[in-house]
Amino acid sequence: MHTFQGTQGTVFNYNSDMSGDVVIIGGSDVSKKFELPVFDILEFAAKFIRNQQIAKLEQMGVHELLGL
């Protein structure tokens, strides 16, 4: 298992091939421990990024959008 610690202290333990579950420990409070399917987390992250990209595209002008 690999470990990643976020800037807010949340710890993520996961398989290097991103299979199975991710164990998430909420900062210094070890009792806040969750196991979630990796794919669910990836879908959530993809939805977040998709929404940001859509918002950015909607704010672009004609020249910027067409690369002119």
N, C-alpha and C. Protein backbone atom coordinates (compact mmCIF):
# COMPACT_ATOMS: atom_id res chain seq x y z
N MET A 1 0.84 -1.19 0.00
CA MET A 1 0.00 0.00 0.00
C MET A 1 0.87 1.25 0.00
N HIS A 2 0.36 2.27 -0.66
CA HIS A 2 1.01 3.58 -0.69
C HIS A 2 0.23 4.54 0.19
N THR A 3 0.90 5.60 0.61
CA THR A 3 0.27 6.58 1.48
C THR A 3 0.45 7.97 0.91
N PHE A 4 -0.62 8.75 0.97
CA PHE A 4 -0.59 10.16 0.60
C PHE A 4 -1.23 10.95 1.73
N GLN A 5 -0.57 12.04 2.14
CA GLN A 5 -1.15 12.90 3.17
C GLN A 5 -1.47 14.25 2.57
N GLY A 6 -2.73 14.64 2.65
CA GLY A 6 -3.18 15.93 2.13
C GLY A 6 -2.71 17.08 3.00
N THR A 7 -2.84 18.27 2.49
CA THR A 7 -2.38 19.46 3.21
C THR A 7 -3.17 19.72 4.48
N GLN A 8 -4.37 19.18 4.58
CA GLN A 8 -5.19 19.34 5.78
C GLN A 8 -4.99 18.18 6.76
N GLY A 9 -4.06 17.26 6.44
CA GLY A 9 -3.73 16.17 7.34
C GLY A 9 -4.44 14.86 7.08
N THR A 10 -5.37 14.83 6.13
CA THR A 10 -6.06 13.59 5.81
C THR A 10 -5.08 12.62 5.16
N VAL A 11 -5.11 11.36 5.61
CA VAL A 11 -4.19 10.34 5.11
C VAL A 11 -4.97 9.37 4.23
N PHE A 12 -4.41 9.07 3.05
CA PHE A 12 -5.01 8.13 2.11
C PHE A 12 -4.05 6.96 1.93
N ASN A 13 -4.51 5.75 2.18
CA ASN A 13 -3.74 4.53 1.92
C ASN A 13 -4.40 3.82 0.75
N TYR A 14 -3.60 3.49 -0.28
CA TYR A 14 -4.17 2.95 -1.51
C TYR A 14 -3.18 2.01 -2.19
N ASN A 15 -3.70 1.16 -3.08
CA ASN A 15 -2.87 0.26 -3.87
C ASN A 15 -2.25 1.05 -5.02
N SER A 16 -1.02 0.72 -5.39
CA SER A 16 -0.32 1.46 -6.44
C SER A 16 -1.03 1.38 -7.79
N ASP A 17 -1.77 0.29 -8.03
CA ASP A 17 -2.49 0.16 -9.30
C ASP A 17 -3.91 0.74 -9.22
N MET A 18 -4.20 1.43 -8.11
CA MET A 18 -5.50 2.07 -7.89
C MET A 18 -6.66 1.09 -7.93
N SER A 19 -6.43 -0.13 -7.50
CA SER A 19 -7.49 -1.12 -7.42
C SER A 19 -7.97 -1.23 -5.98
N GLY A 20 -9.10 -1.84 -5.80
CA GLY A 20 -9.60 -2.09 -4.45
C GLY A 20 -10.11 -0.84 -3.77
N ASP A 21 -9.92 -0.79 -2.47
CA ASP A 21 -10.42 0.31 -1.66
C ASP A 21 -9.31 1.26 -1.25
N VAL A 22 -9.70 2.49 -0.97
CA VAL A 22 -8.81 3.47 -0.38
C VAL A 22 -9.21 3.61 1.08
N VAL A 23 -8.24 3.55 1.97
CA VAL A 23 -8.50 3.77 3.39
C VAL A 23 -8.18 5.23 3.67
N ILE A 24 -9.17 5.95 4.17
CA ILE A 24 -9.03 7.38 4.43
C ILE A 24 -9.11 7.61 5.93
N ILE A 25 -8.10 8.27 6.47
CA ILE A 25 -8.06 8.56 7.90
C ILE A 25 -8.10 10.08 8.05
N GLY A 26 -9.09 10.57 8.78
CA GLY A 26 -9.34 12.01 8.91
C GLY A 26 -8.37 12.72 9.82
N GLY A 27 -7.23 13.13 9.30
CA GLY A 27 -6.27 13.92 10.05
C GLY A 27 -5.76 13.21 11.29
N SER A 28 -5.71 13.93 12.39
CA SER A 28 -5.16 13.36 13.63
C SER A 28 -6.16 12.47 14.35
N ASP A 29 -7.42 12.51 13.95
CA ASP A 29 -8.45 11.70 14.60
C ASP A 29 -8.54 10.34 13.91
N VAL A 30 -7.80 9.37 14.42
CA VAL A 30 -7.72 8.04 13.81
C VAL A 30 -9.08 7.34 13.82
N SER A 31 -10.00 7.75 14.70
CA SER A 31 -11.31 7.12 14.74
C SER A 31 -12.14 7.47 13.51
N LYS A 32 -11.77 8.51 12.79
CA LYS A 32 -12.45 8.89 11.55
C LYS A 32 -11.78 8.16 10.39
N LYS A 33 -12.10 6.90 10.25
CA LYS A 33 -11.47 6.05 9.24
C LYS A 33 -12.56 5.48 8.32
N PHE A 34 -12.34 5.60 7.02
CA PHE A 34 -13.30 5.13 6.03
C PHE A 34 -12.59 4.28 5.00
N GLU A 35 -13.32 3.32 4.44
CA GLU A 35 -12.82 2.55 3.30
C GLU A 35 -13.81 2.76 2.17
N LEU A 36 -13.30 3.27 1.06
CA LEU A 36 -14.13 3.57 -0.09
C LEU A 36 -13.54 2.94 -1.34
N PRO A 37 -14.38 2.52 -2.29
CA PRO A 37 -13.86 2.01 -3.55
C PRO A 37 -13.09 3.11 -4.30
N VAL A 38 -11.93 2.77 -4.81
CA VAL A 38 -11.10 3.73 -5.53
C VAL A 38 -11.87 4.36 -6.68
N PHE A 39 -12.62 3.54 -7.41
CA PHE A 39 -13.31 4.05 -8.59
C PHE A 39 -14.31 5.14 -8.22
N ASP A 40 -14.97 5.01 -7.07
CA ASP A 40 -15.90 6.05 -6.63
C ASP A 40 -15.18 7.37 -6.39
N ILE A 41 -14.00 7.31 -5.81
CA ILE A 41 -13.22 8.52 -5.57
C ILE A 41 -12.75 9.13 -6.89
N LEU A 42 -12.31 8.27 -7.83
CA LEU A 42 -11.88 8.76 -9.14
C LEU A 42 -13.04 9.42 -9.88
N GLU A 43 -14.24 8.82 -9.80
CA GLU A 43 -15.41 9.41 -10.44
C GLU A 43 -15.73 10.78 -9.84
N PHE A 44 -15.64 10.87 -8.51
CA PHE A 44 -15.90 12.13 -7.83
C PHE A 44 -14.91 13.20 -8.27
N ALA A 45 -13.63 12.84 -8.32
CA ALA A 45 -12.59 13.78 -8.74
C ALA A 45 -12.80 14.20 -10.20
N ALA A 46 -13.16 13.25 -11.06
CA ALA A 46 -13.40 13.56 -12.47
C ALA A 46 -14.58 14.52 -12.62
N LYS A 47 -15.63 14.32 -11.84
CA LYS A 47 -16.79 15.21 -11.90
C LYS A 47 -16.40 16.62 -11.46
N PHE A 48 -15.60 16.73 -10.43
CA PHE A 48 -15.12 18.03 -9.95
C PHE A 48 -14.32 18.74 -11.04
N ILE A 49 -13.38 18.03 -11.65
CA ILE A 49 -12.53 18.61 -12.69
C ILE A 49 -13.36 18.98 -13.92
N ARG A 50 -14.29 18.09 -14.30
CA ARG A 50 -15.17 18.36 -15.44
C ARG A 50 -15.95 19.66 -15.22
N ASN A 51 -16.52 19.82 -14.04
CA ASN A 51 -17.30 21.02 -13.75
C ASN A 51 -16.44 22.28 -13.80
N GLN A 52 -15.19 22.19 -13.32
CA GLN A 52 -14.29 23.34 -13.37
C GLN A 52 -13.94 23.69 -14.82
N GLN A 53 -13.70 22.67 -15.64
CA GLN A 53 -13.35 22.92 -17.03
C GLN A 53 -14.53 23.52 -17.80
N ILE A 54 -15.74 23.04 -17.53
CA ILE A 54 -16.93 23.60 -18.18
C ILE A 54 -17.09 25.06 -17.80
N ALA A 55 -16.93 25.37 -16.52
CA ALA A 55 -17.06 26.76 -16.06
C ALA A 55 -16.01 27.64 -16.73
N LYS A 56 -14.79 27.14 -16.87
CA LYS A 56 -13.72 27.91 -17.52
C LYS A 56 -14.06 28.16 -18.99
N LEU A 57 -14.55 27.13 -19.69
CA LEU A 57 -14.93 27.28 -21.10
C LEU A 57 -16.05 28.29 -21.27
N GLU A 58 -17.01 28.26 -20.35
CA GLU A 58 -18.14 29.18 -20.44
C GLU A 58 -17.73 30.63 -20.26
N GLN A 59 -16.60 30.87 -19.61
CA GLN A 59 -16.13 32.23 -19.36
C GLN A 59 -15.19 32.75 -20.45
N MET A 60 -14.76 31.87 -21.37
CA MET A 60 -13.81 32.26 -22.41
C MET A 60 -14.48 33.13 -23.47
N GLY A 61 -13.69 34.05 -24.00
CA GLY A 61 -14.13 34.84 -25.14
C GLY A 61 -13.87 34.08 -26.43
N VAL A 62 -14.37 34.62 -27.53
CA VAL A 62 -14.24 33.97 -28.83
C VAL A 62 -12.77 33.75 -29.20
N HIS A 63 -11.95 34.78 -29.07
CA HIS A 63 -10.54 34.67 -29.46
C HIS A 63 -9.80 33.65 -28.61
N GLU A 64 -10.05 33.68 -27.31
CA GLU A 64 -9.38 32.73 -26.41
C GLU A 64 -9.82 31.30 -26.70
N LEU A 65 -11.11 31.11 -26.93
CA LEU A 65 -11.65 29.78 -27.19
C LEU A 65 -11.09 29.19 -28.48
N LEU A 66 -10.94 30.04 -29.49
CA LEU A 66 -10.44 29.57 -30.79
C LEU A 66 -8.93 29.63 -30.90
N GLY A 67 -8.26 30.12 -29.86
CA GLY A 67 -6.80 30.20 -29.88
C GLY A 67 -6.27 31.26 -30.84
N LEU A 68 -7.03 32.32 -31.01
CA LEU A 68 -6.63 33.38 -31.95
C LEU A 68 -5.93 34.52 -31.23
